Amino acid sequence: VKCMLLAGFGDVTVVDMDHVVPSNLSRCVFFRDADAGRGKAEAVAERA
């Protein structure tokens, strides 16, 4: 998603059923500490 938005993709749908956990934070550019327990798709969409 990061690369797509920087490249100008205009309409992106992100689907995921999981929630953010602390071990995601070292690898996921859009997640923050406060996102623990939040839906991954929602967190990505908000910040992307």
All heavy atoms as atom14 arrays in JSON, in Angstrom:
{
  "sequence": "VKCMLLAGFGDVTVVDMDHVVPSNLSRCVFFRDADAGRGKAEAVAERA",
  "atom14_mask": [
    [1, 1, 1, 1, 1, 1, 1, 0, 0, 0, 0, 0, 0, 0],
    [1, 1, 1, 1, 1, 1, 1, 1, 1, 0, 0, 0, 0, 0],
    [1, 1, 1, 1, 1, 1, 0, 0, 0, 0, 0, 0, 0, 0],
    [1, 1, 1, 1, 1, 1, 1, 1, 0, 0, 0, 0, 0, 0],
    [1, 1, 1, 1, 1, 1, 1, 1, 0, 0, 0, 0, 0, 0],
    [1, 1, 1, 1, 1, 1, 1, 1, 0, 0, 0, 0, 0, 0],
    [1, 1, 1, 1, 1, 0, 0, 0, 0, 0, 0, 0, 0, 0],
    [1, 1, 1, 1, 0, 0, 0, 0, 0, 0, 0, 0, 0, 0],
    [1, 1, 1, 1, 1, 1, 1, 1, 1, 1, 1, 0, 0, 0],
    [1, 1, 1, 1, 0, 0, 0, 0, 0, 0, 0, 0, 0, 0],
    [1, 1, 1, 1, 1, 1, 1, 1, 0, 0, 0, 0, 0, 0],
    [1, 1, 1, 1, 1, 1, 1, 0, 0, 0, 0, 0, 0, 0],
    [1, 1, 1, 1, 1, 1, 1, 0, 0, 0, 0, 0, 0, 0],
    [1, 1, 1, 1, 1, 1, 1, 0, 0, 0, 0, 0, 0, 0],
    [1, 1, 1, 1, 1, 1, 1, 0, 0, 0, 0, 0, 0, 0],
    [1, 1, 1, 1, 1, 1, 1, 1, 0, 0, 0, 0, 0, 0],
    [1, 1, 1, 1, 1, 1, 1, 1, 0, 0, 0, 0, 0, 0],
    [1, 1, 1, 1, 1, 1, 1, 1, 0, 0, 0, 0, 0, 0],
    [1, 1, 1, 1, 1, 1, 1, 1, 1, 1, 0, 0, 0, 0],
    [1, 1, 1, 1, 1, 1, 1, 0, 0, 0, 0, 0, 0, 0],
    [1, 1, 1, 1, 1, 1, 1, 0, 0, 0, 0, 0, 0, 0],
    [1, 1, 1, 1, 1, 1, 1, 0, 0, 0, 0, 0, 0, 0],
    [1, 1, 1, 1, 1, 1, 0, 0, 0, 0, 0, 0, 0, 0],
    [1, 1, 1, 1, 1, 1, 1, 1, 0, 0, 0, 0, 0, 0],
    [1, 1, 1, 1, 1, 1, 1, 1, 0, 0, 0, 0, 0, 0],
    [1, 1, 1, 1, 1, 1, 0, 0, 0, 0, 0, 0, 0, 0],
    [1, 1, 1, 1, 1, 1, 1, 1, 1, 1, 1, 0, 0, 0],
    [1, 1, 1, 1, 1, 1, 0, 0, 0, 0, 0, 0, 0, 0],
    [1, 1, 1, 1, 1, 1, 1, 0, 0, 0, 0, 0, 0, 0],
    [1, 1, 1, 1, 1, 1, 1, 1, 1, 1, 1, 0, 0, 0],
    [1, 1, 1, 1, 1, 1, 1, 1, 1, 1, 1, 0, 0, 0],
    [1, 1, 1, 1, 1, 1, 1, 1, 1, 1, 1, 0, 0, 0],
    [1, 1, 1, 1, 1, 1, 1, 1, 0, 0, 0, 0, 0, 0],
    [1, 1, 1, 1, 1, 0, 0, 0, 0, 0, 0, 0, 0, 0],
    [1, 1, 1, 1, 1, 1, 1, 1, 0, 0, 0, 0, 0, 0],
    [1, 1, 1, 1, 1, 0, 0, 0, 0, 0, 0, 0, 0, 0],
    [1, 1, 1, 1, 0, 0, 0, 0, 0, 0, 0, 0, 0, 0],
    [1, 1, 1, 1, 1, 1, 1, 1, 1, 1, 1, 0, 0, 0],
    [1, 1, 1, 1, 0, 0, 0, 0, 0, 0, 0, 0, 0, 0],
    [1, 1, 1, 1, 1, 1, 1, 1, 1, 0, 0, 0, 0, 0],
    [1, 1, 1, 1, 1, 0, 0, 0, 0, 0, 0, 0, 0, 0],
    [1, 1, 1, 1, 1, 1, 1, 1, 1, 0, 0, 0, 0, 0],
    [1, 1, 1, 1, 1, 0, 0, 0, 0, 0, 0, 0, 0, 0],
    [1, 1, 1, 1, 1, 1, 1, 0, 0, 0, 0, 0, 0, 0],
    [1, 1, 1, 1, 1, 0, 0, 0, 0, 0, 0, 0, 0, 0],
    [1, 1, 1, 1, 1, 1, 1, 1, 1, 0, 0, 0, 0, 0],
    [1, 1, 1, 1, 1, 1, 1, 1, 1, 1, 1, 0, 0, 0],
    [1, 1, 1, 1, 1, 0, 0, 0, 0, 0, 0, 0, 0, 0]
  ],
  "atom14_positions": [
    [[0.84, -1.2, 0.0], [0.0, 0.0, 0.0], [0.87, 1.26, 0.0], [0.6, 2.23, -0.71], [-0.96, 0.0, 1.2], [-1.7, 1.33, 1.3], [-1.98, -1.13, 1.06], [0.0, 0.0, 0.0], [0.0, 0.0, 0.0], [0.0, 0.0, 0.0], [0.0, 0.0, 0.0], [0.0, 0.0, 0.0], [0.0, 0.0, 0.0], [0.0, 0.0, 0.0]],
    [[1.93, 1.24, 0.78], [2.85, 2.39, 0.8], [3.37, 2.69, -0.61], [3.32, 3.84, -1.08], [4.02, 2.11, 1.73], [5.04, 3.24, 1.82], [6.4, 2.74, 2.27], [7.13, 2.0, 1.15], [8.51, 1.6, 1.54], [0.0, 0.0, 0.0], [0.0, 0.0, 0.0], [0.0, 0.0, 0.0], [0.0, 0.0, 0.0], [0.0, 0.0, 0.0]],
    [[3.88, 1.67, -1.29], [4.43, 1.87, -2.63], [3.35, 2.31, -3.62], [3.58, 3.15, -4.49], [5.1, 0.6, -3.12], [6.63, 0.19, -2.26], [0.0, 0.0, 0.0], [0.0, 0.0, 0.0], [0.0, 0.0, 0.0], [0.0, 0.0, 0.0], [0.0, 0.0, 0.0], [0.0, 0.0, 0.0], [0.0, 0.0, 0.0], [0.0, 0.0, 0.0]],
    [[2.15, 1.74, -3.49], [1.07, 2.09, -4.4], [0.67, 3.56, -4.25], [0.5, 4.28, -5.24], [-0.15, 1.2, -4.14], [0.05, -0.24, -4.53], [-1.37, -1.3, -4.15], [-2.45, -0.9, -5.53], [0.0, 0.0, 0.0], [0.0, 0.0, 0.0], [0.0, 0.0, 0.0], [0.0, 0.0, 0.0], [0.0, 0.0, 0.0], [0.0, 0.0, 0.0]],
    [[0.55, 4.02, -3.02], [0.15, 5.41, -2.8], [1.23, 6.38, -3.27], [0.93, 7.42, -3.86], [-0.18, 5.64, -1.33], [-1.62, 5.37, -0.89], [-2.57, 6.42, -1.41], [-2.1, 3.99, -1.31], [0.0, 0.0, 0.0], [0.0, 0.0, 0.0], [0.0, 0.0, 0.0], [0.0, 0.0, 0.0], [0.0, 0.0, 0.0], [0.0, 0.0, 0.0]],
    [[2.49, 6.06, -3.02], [3.57, 6.92, -3.49], [3.64, 6.94, -5.01], [4.06, 7.94, -5.61], [4.92, 6.43, -2.92], [5.13, 6.66, -1.42], [6.44, 6.02, -0.97], [5.12, 8.15, -1.08], [0.0, 0.0, 0.0], [0.0, 0.0, 0.0], [0.0, 0.0, 0.0], [0.0, 0.0, 0.0], [0.0, 0.0, 0.0], [0.0, 0.0, 0.0]],
    [[3.2, 5.85, -5.65], [3.21, 5.78, -7.11], [1.95, 6.37, -7.74], [1.84, 6.41, -8.96], [3.37, 4.32, -7.56], [0.0, 0.0, 0.0], [0.0, 0.0, 0.0], [0.0, 0.0, 0.0], [0.0, 0.0, 0.0], [0.0, 0.0, 0.0], [0.0, 0.0, 0.0], [0.0, 0.0, 0.0], [0.0, 0.0, 0.0], [0.0, 0.0, 0.0]],
    [[0.99, 6.79, -6.92], [-0.18, 7.49, -7.45], [-1.41, 6.66, -7.68], [-2.35, 7.12, -8.34], [0.0, 0.0, 0.0], [0.0, 0.0, 0.0], [0.0, 0.0, 0.0], [0.0, 0.0, 0.0], [0.0, 0.0, 0.0], [0.0, 0.0, 0.0], [0.0, 0.0, 0.0], [0.0, 0.0, 0.0], [0.0, 0.0, 0.0], [0.0, 0.0, 0.0]],
    [[-1.45, 5.44, -7.17], [-2.66, 4.63, -7.32], [-3.82, 5.35, -6.63], [-3.71, 5.74, -5.46], [-2.46, 3.24, -6.71], [-1.63, 2.33, -7.57], [-0.26, 2.51, -7.68], [-2.23, 1.29, -8.28], [0.5, 1.67, -8.47], [-1.47, 0.44, -9.07], [-0.09, 0.64, -9.18], [0.0, 0.0, 0.0], [0.0, 0.0, 0.0], [0.0, 0.0, 0.0]],
    [[-4.93, 5.51, -7.36], [-5.97, 6.41, -6.88], [-7.07, 5.78, -6.05], [-7.74, 6.47, -5.28], [0.0, 0.0, 0.0], [0.0, 0.0, 0.0], [0.0, 0.0, 0.0], [0.0, 0.0, 0.0], [0.0, 0.0, 0.0], [0.0, 0.0, 0.0], [0.0, 0.0, 0.0], [0.0, 0.0, 0.0], [0.0, 0.0, 0.0], [0.0, 0.0, 0.0]],
    [[-7.29, 4.46, -6.19], [-8.42, 3.83, -5.51], [-7.99, 2.43, -5.08], [-7.87, 1.53, -5.9], [-9.62, 3.76, -6.45], [-10.9, 3.31, -5.76], [-10.82, 2.73, -4.65], [-11.99, 3.52, -6.33], [0.0, 0.0, 0.0], [0.0, 0.0, 0.0], [0.0, 0.0, 0.0], [0.0, 0.0, 0.0], [0.0, 0.0, 0.0], [0.0, 0.0, 0.0]],
    [[-7.75, 2.26, -3.79], [-7.23, 1.01, -3.25], [-8.17, 0.48, -2.17], [-8.52, 1.21, -1.24], [-5.82, 1.19, -2.66], [-5.31, -0.12, -2.08], [-4.85, 1.72, -3.72], [0.0, 0.0, 0.0], [0.0, 0.0, 0.0], [0.0, 0.0, 0.0], [0.0, 0.0, 0.0], [0.0, 0.0, 0.0], [0.0, 0.0, 0.0], [0.0, 0.0, 0.0]],
    [[-8.58, -0.77, -2.3], [-9.36, -1.45, -1.27], [-8.45, -2.42, -0.54], [-7.75, -3.21, -1.17], [-10.56, -2.2, -1.87], [-11.46, -1.25, -2.47], [-11.31, -2.99, -0.81], [0.0, 0.0, 0.0], [0.0, 0.0, 0.0], [0.0, 0.0, 0.0], [0.0, 0.0, 0.0], [0.0, 0.0, 0.0], [0.0, 0.0, 0.0], [0.0, 0.0, 0.0]],
    [[-8.45, -2.36, 0.8], [-7.6, -3.23, 1.62], [-8.49, -4.14, 2.44], [-9.33, -3.65, 3.21], [-6.7, -2.4, 2.55], [-5.77, -3.32, 3.35], [-5.89, -1.38, 1.76], [0.0, 0.0, 0.0], [0.0, 0.0, 0.0], [0.0, 0.0, 0.0], [0.0, 0.0, 0.0], [0.0, 0.0, 0.0], [0.0, 0.0, 0.0], [0.0, 0.0, 0.0]],
    [[-8.32, -5.46, 2.29], [-9.14, -6.4, 3.04], [-8.26, -7.23, 3.97], [-7.23, -7.75, 3.56], [-9.96, -7.32, 2.1], [-9.07, -8.07, 1.14], [-10.83, -8.29, 2.9], [0.0, 0.0, 0.0], [0.0, 0.0, 0.0], [0.0, 0.0, 0.0], [0.0, 0.0, 0.0], [0.0, 0.0, 0.0], [0.0, 0.0, 0.0], [0.0, 0.0, 0.0]],
    [[-8.67, -7.31, 5.25], [-7.95, -8.12, 6.23], [-8.86, -8.31, 7.44], [-9.53, -7.36, 7.87], [-6.65, -7.43, 6.67], [-5.69, -8.4, 7.35], [-6.07, -8.96, 8.4], [-4.57, -8.58, 6.84], [0.0, 0.0, 0.0], [0.0, 0.0, 0.0], [0.0, 0.0, 0.0], [0.0, 0.0, 0.0], [0.0, 0.0, 0.0], [0.0, 0.0, 0.0]],
    [[-8.88, -9.51, 8.0], [-9.75, -9.8, 9.14], [-9.03, -9.65, 10.47], [-9.66, -9.7, 11.53], [-10.28, -11.23, 9.03], [-9.22, -12.3, 9.15], [-9.91, -13.97, 9.09], [-8.42, -14.96, 9.32], [0.0, 0.0, 0.0], [0.0, 0.0, 0.0], [0.0, 0.0, 0.0], [0.0, 0.0, 0.0], [0.0, 0.0, 0.0], [0.0, 0.0, 0.0]],
    [[-7.7, -9.47, 10.46], [-6.91, -9.5, 11.68], [-6.82, -8.14, 12.39], [-7.2, -7.1, 11.83], [-5.49, -9.98, 11.37], [-5.4, -11.49, 11.34], [-6.36, -12.16, 11.78], [-4.38, -12.01, 10.86], [0.0, 0.0, 0.0], [0.0, 0.0, 0.0], [0.0, 0.0, 0.0], [0.0, 0.0, 0.0], [0.0, 0.0, 0.0], [0.0, 0.0, 0.0]],
    [[-6.26, -8.19, 13.6], [-6.04, -7.01, 14.4], [-4.54, -6.81, 14.64], [-3.76, -7.75, 14.59], [-6.78, -7.11, 15.73], [-8.27, -7.15, 15.59], [-8.94, -8.31, 15.23], [-9.2, -6.18, 15.71], [-10.24, -8.05, 15.16], [-10.42, -6.77, 15.45], [0.0, 0.0, 0.0], [0.0, 0.0, 0.0], [0.0, 0.0, 0.0], [0.0, 0.0, 0.0]],
    [[-4.18, -5.58, 14.93], [-2.78, -5.23, 15.16], [-2.33, -5.77, 16.51], [-3.05, -5.68, 17.51], [-2.6, -3.7, 15.13], [-1.14, -3.33, 15.41], [-3.06, -3.13, 13.78], [0.0, 0.0, 0.0], [0.0, 0.0, 0.0], [0.0, 0.0, 0.0], [0.0, 0.0, 0.0], [0.0, 0.0, 0.0], [0.0, 0.0, 0.0], [0.0, 0.0, 0.0]],
    [[-1.11, -6.35, 16.53], [-0.47, -6.79, 17.78], [0.92, -6.12, 17.84], [1.46, -5.7, 16.81], [-0.34, -8.32, 17.85], [-1.71, -8.97, 17.88], [0.48, -8.86, 16.68], [0.0, 0.0, 0.0], [0.0, 0.0, 0.0], [0.0, 0.0, 0.0], [0.0, 0.0, 0.0], [0.0, 0.0, 0.0], [0.0, 0.0, 0.0], [0.0, 0.0, 0.0]],
    [[1.49, -6.0, 19.04], [2.78, -5.29, 19.17], [3.89, -5.8, 18.27], [4.72, -5.01, 17.79], [3.12, -5.48, 20.66], [1.79, -5.55, 21.33], [0.92, -6.33, 20.36], [0.0, 0.0, 0.0], [0.0, 0.0, 0.0], [0.0, 0.0, 0.0], [0.0, 0.0, 0.0], [0.0, 0.0, 0.0], [0.0, 0.0, 0.0], [0.0, 0.0, 0.0]],
    [[3.94, -7.11, 17.99], [5.03, -7.63, 17.15], [4.91, -7.18, 15.7], [5.85, -7.36, 14.92], [5.09, -9.15, 17.22], [3.94, -9.75, 16.66], [0.0, 0.0, 0.0], [0.0, 0.0, 0.0], [0.0, 0.0, 0.0], [0.0, 0.0, 0.0], [0.0, 0.0, 0.0], [0.0, 0.0, 0.0], [0.0, 0.0, 0.0], [0.0, 0.0, 0.0]],
    [[3.77, -6.6, 15.31], [3.63, -6.05, 13.96], [4.43, -4.76, 13.78], [4.75, -4.37, 12.65], [2.17, -5.72, 13.64], [1.27, -6.93, 13.54], [0.16, -6.93, 14.06], [1.72, -7.98, 12.88], [0.0, 0.0, 0.0], [0.0, 0.0, 0.0], [0.0, 0.0, 0.0], [0.0, 0.0, 0.0], [0.0, 0.0, 0.0], [0.0, 0.0, 0.0]],
    [[4.72, -4.07, 14.89], [5.19, -2.69, 14.8], [6.57, -2.54, 14.16], [6.88, -1.5, 13.59], [5.2, -2.04, 16.19], [3.83, -1.98, 16.87], [3.96, -1.38, 18.27], [2.83, -1.18, 16.04], [0.0, 0.0, 0.0], [0.0, 0.0, 0.0], [0.0, 0.0, 0.0], [0.0, 0.0, 0.0], [0.0, 0.0, 0.0], [0.0, 0.0, 0.0]],
    [[7.4, -3.57, 14.22], [8.73, -3.46, 13.62], [8.73, -3.66, 12.12], [9.74, -3.44, 11.46], [9.69, -4.47, 14.27], [9.31, -5.8, 13.91], [0.0, 0.0, 0.0], [0.0, 0.0, 0.0], [0.0, 0.0, 0.0], [0.0, 0.0, 0.0], [0.0, 0.0, 0.0], [0.0, 0.0, 0.0], [0.0, 0.0, 0.0], [0.0, 0.0, 0.0]],
    [[7.59, -4.07, 11.56], [7.55, -4.39, 10.14], [6.46, -3.67, 9.36], [6.39, -3.81, 8.15], [7.36, -5.91, 9.94], [8.41, -6.76, 10.58], [8.15, -8.24, 10.36], [6.76, -8.61, 10.69], [6.33, -8.8, 11.93], [7.13, -8.63, 12.95], [5.08, -9.14, 12.15], [0.0, 0.0, 0.0], [0.0, 0.0, 0.0], [0.0, 0.0, 0.0]],
    [[5.6, -2.96, 10.05], [4.42, -2.38, 9.39], [4.44, -0.86, 9.5], [4.22, -0.3, 10.58], [3.14, -2.94, 10.01], [3.0, -4.74, 9.84], [0.0, 0.0, 0.0], [0.0, 0.0, 0.0], [0.0, 0.0, 0.0], [0.0, 0.0, 0.0], [0.0, 0.0, 0.0], [0.0, 0.0, 0.0], [0.0, 0.0, 0.0], [0.0, 0.0, 0.0]],
    [[4.7, -0.2, 8.39], [4.96, 1.24, 8.39], [3.75, 2.07, 8.84], [3.92, 3.17, 9.37], [5.42, 1.67, 6.98], [4.31, 1.5, 5.94], [5.93, 3.1, 6.98], [0.0, 0.0, 0.0], [0.0, 0.0, 0.0], [0.0, 0.0, 0.0], [0.0, 0.0, 0.0], [0.0, 0.0, 0.0], [0.0, 0.0, 0.0], [0.0, 0.0, 0.0]],
    [[2.53, 1.55, 8.7], [1.35, 2.34, 9.03], [0.84, 2.12, 10.46], [-0.06, 2.82, 10.9], [0.21, 2.03, 8.05], [0.5, 2.5, 6.66], [0.5, 1.59, 5.59], [0.76, 3.83, 6.38], [0.75, 2.02, 4.3], [1.03, 4.27, 5.1], [1.02, 3.35, 4.05], [0.0, 0.0, 0.0], [0.0, 0.0, 0.0], [0.0, 0.0, 0.0]],
    [[1.38, 1.16, 11.19], [0.88, 0.86, 12.52], [1.65, 1.62, 13.6], [2.85, 1.86, 13.46], [0.97, -0.65, 12.82], [0.12, -1.51, 11.91], [0.39, -2.87, 11.79], [-0.93, -0.98, 11.17], [-0.37, -3.68, 10.96], [-1.68, -1.78, 10.34], [-1.41, -3.13, 10.22], [0.0, 0.0, 0.0], [0.0, 0.0, 0.0], [0.0, 0.0, 0.0]],
    [[0.93, 1.95, 14.68], [1.52, 2.64, 15.83], [1.19, 1.86, 17.11], [0.31, 1.01, 17.11], [0.96, 4.07, 15.95], [1.11, 4.91, 14.68], [2.56, 5.27, 14.41], [2.67, 6.1, 13.22], [2.87, 5.65, 11.98], [2.98, 4.34, 11.77], [2.96, 6.48, 10.97], [0.0, 0.0, 0.0], [0.0, 0.0, 0.0], [0.0, 0.0, 0.0]],
    [[1.88, 2.18, 18.2], [1.64, 1.48, 19.47], [0.17, 1.53, 19.87], [-0.38, 0.55, 20.38], [2.49, 2.1, 20.58], [3.97, 1.79, 20.41], [4.42, 0.76, 20.92], [4.67, 2.6, 19.77], [0.0, 0.0, 0.0], [0.0, 0.0, 0.0], [0.0, 0.0, 0.0], [0.0, 0.0, 0.0], [0.0, 0.0, 0.0], [0.0, 0.0, 0.0]],
    [[-0.46, 2.67, 19.64], [-1.85, 2.84, 20.05], [-2.82, 2.01, 19.22], [-4.01, 1.92, 19.56], [-2.24, 4.31, 19.96], [0.0, 0.0, 0.0], [0.0, 0.0, 0.0], [0.0, 0.0, 0.0], [0.0, 0.0, 0.0], [0.0, 0.0, 0.0], [0.0, 0.0, 0.0], [0.0, 0.0, 0.0], [0.0, 0.0, 0.0], [0.0, 0.0, 0.0]],
    [[-2.35, 1.38, 18.15], [-3.22, 0.59, 17.28], [-3.43, -0.83, 17.77], [-4.21, -1.58, 17.16], [-2.65, 0.53, 15.85], [-2.71, 1.88, 15.15], [-3.68, 2.61, 15.38], [-1.78, 2.18, 14.39], [0.0, 0.0, 0.0], [0.0, 0.0, 0.0], [0.0, 0.0, 0.0], [0.0, 0.0, 0.0], [0.0, 0.0, 0.0], [0.0, 0.0, 0.0]],
    [[-2.75, -1.25, 18.83], [-2.9, -2.62, 19.33], [-4.37, -2.94, 19.55], [-5.09, -2.2, 20.22], [-2.11, -2.8, 20.62], [0.0, 0.0, 0.0], [0.0, 0.0, 0.0], [0.0, 0.0, 0.0], [0.0, 0.0, 0.0], [0.0, 0.0, 0.0], [0.0, 0.0, 0.0], [0.0, 0.0, 0.0], [0.0, 0.0, 0.0], [0.0, 0.0, 0.0]],
    [[-4.83, -4.04, 18.96], [-6.21, -4.45, 19.06], [-7.11, -3.87, 17.98], [-8.27, -4.28, 17.84], [0.0, 0.0, 0.0], [0.0, 0.0, 0.0], [0.0, 0.0, 0.0], [0.0, 0.0, 0.0], [0.0, 0.0, 0.0], [0.0, 0.0, 0.0], [0.0, 0.0, 0.0], [0.0, 0.0, 0.0], [0.0, 0.0, 0.0], [0.0, 0.0, 0.0]],
    [[-6.6, -2.93, 17.21], [-7.38, -2.3, 16.14], [-7.3, -3.13, 14.86], [-6.33, -3.84, 14.62], [-6.82, -0.9, 15.89], [-7.64, -0.04, 14.95], [-6.96, 1.29, 14.76], [-7.77, 2.18, 13.95], [-7.32, 3.33, 13.42], [-6.07, 3.7, 13.64], [-8.12, 4.08, 12.7], [0.0, 0.0, 0.0], [0.0, 0.0, 0.0], [0.0, 0.0, 0.0]],
    [[-8.32, -3.05, 14.03], [-8.3, -3.77, 12.77], [-7.17, -3.29, 11.86], [-6.96, -2.09, 11.71], [0.0, 0.0, 0.0], [0.0, 0.0, 0.0], [0.0, 0.0, 0.0], [0.0, 0.0, 0.0], [0.0, 0.0, 0.0], [0.0, 0.0, 0.0], [0.0, 0.0, 0.0], [0.0, 0.0, 0.0], [0.0, 0.0, 0.0], [0.0, 0.0, 0.0]],
    [[-6.46, -4.24, 11.26], [-5.33, -3.88, 10.39], [-5.77, -3.06, 9.19], [-5.13, -2.06, 8.83], [-4.61, -5.14, 9.93], [-3.81, -5.84, 11.01], [-3.09, -7.07, 10.44], [-2.23, -7.74, 11.5], [-1.54, -8.94, 10.98], [0.0, 0.0, 0.0], [0.0, 0.0, 0.0], [0.0, 0.0, 0.0], [0.0, 0.0, 0.0], [0.0, 0.0, 0.0]],
    [[-6.84, -3.49, 8.53], [-7.3, -2.78, 7.33], [-7.66, -1.34, 7.65], [-7.34, -0.41, 6.9], [-8.49, -3.52, 6.72], [0.0, 0.0, 0.0], [0.0, 0.0, 0.0], [0.0, 0.0, 0.0], [0.0, 0.0, 0.0], [0.0, 0.0, 0.0], [0.0, 0.0, 0.0], [0.0, 0.0, 0.0], [0.0, 0.0, 0.0], [0.0, 0.0, 0.0]],
    [[-8.33, -1.13, 8.78], [-8.73, 0.21, 9.17], [-7.53, 1.09, 9.46], [-7.48, 2.26, 9.04], [-9.62, 0.13, 10.41], [-10.08, 1.49, 10.93], [-10.81, 1.39, 12.26], [-10.95, 0.27, 12.79], [-11.23, 2.45, 12.78], [0.0, 0.0, 0.0], [0.0, 0.0, 0.0], [0.0, 0.0, 0.0], [0.0, 0.0, 0.0], [0.0, 0.0, 0.0]],
    [[-6.54, 0.54, 10.17], [-5.34, 1.32, 10.5], [-4.57, 1.71, 9.24], [-4.1, 2.84, 9.11], [-4.46, 0.53, 11.46], [0.0, 0.0, 0.0], [0.0, 0.0, 0.0], [0.0, 0.0, 0.0], [0.0, 0.0, 0.0], [0.0, 0.0, 0.0], [0.0, 0.0, 0.0], [0.0, 0.0, 0.0], [0.0, 0.0, 0.0], [0.0, 0.0, 0.0]],
    [[-4.43, 0.77, 8.31], [-3.74, 1.07, 7.06], [-4.47, 2.15, 6.28], [-3.86, 3.12, 5.8], [-3.59, -0.21, 6.2], [-3.16, 0.15, 4.78], [-2.59, -1.16, 6.82], [0.0, 0.0, 0.0], [0.0, 0.0, 0.0], [0.0, 0.0, 0.0], [0.0, 0.0, 0.0], [0.0, 0.0, 0.0], [0.0, 0.0, 0.0], [0.0, 0.0, 0.0]],
    [[-5.78, 2.01, 6.15], [-6.56, 2.96, 5.36], [-6.5, 4.36, 5.92], [-6.42, 5.35, 5.18], [-8.01, 2.49, 5.27], [0.0, 0.0, 0.0], [0.0, 0.0, 0.0], [0.0, 0.0, 0.0], [0.0, 0.0, 0.0], [0.0, 0.0, 0.0], [0.0, 0.0, 0.0], [0.0, 0.0, 0.0], [0.0, 0.0, 0.0], [0.0, 0.0, 0.0]],
    [[-6.52, 4.47, 7.25], [-6.53, 5.8, 7.87], [-5.26, 6.57, 7.58], [-5.29, 7.77, 7.3], [-6.71, 5.67, 9.39], [-6.69, 7.01, 10.11], [-6.85, 6.89, 11.6], [-7.77, 6.15, 12.04], [-6.05, 7.5, 12.34], [0.0, 0.0, 0.0], [0.0, 0.0, 0.0], [0.0, 0.0, 0.0], [0.0, 0.0, 0.0], [0.0, 0.0, 0.0]],
    [[-4.12, 5.87, 7.64], [-2.85, 6.58, 7.51], [-2.3, 6.61, 6.09], [-1.47, 7.47, 5.77], [-1.82, 5.95, 8.45], [-2.23, 6.11, 9.92], [-1.08, 5.87, 10.86], [-1.54, 6.11, 12.22], [-2.04, 5.18, 13.02], [-2.13, 3.94, 12.59], [-2.44, 5.48, 14.23], [0.0, 0.0, 0.0], [0.0, 0.0, 0.0], [0.0, 0.0, 0.0]],
    [[-2.76, 5.7, 5.26], [-2.19, 5.62, 3.91], [-2.42, 6.88, 3.1], [-1.55, 7.31, 2.34], [-2.76, 4.41, 3.18], [0.0, 0.0, 0.0], [0.0, 0.0, 0.0], [0.0, 0.0, 0.0], [0.0, 0.0, 0.0], [0.0, 0.0, 0.0], [0.0, 0.0, 0.0], [0.0, 0.0, 0.0], [0.0, 0.0, 0.0], [0.0, 0.0, 0.0]]
  ]
}
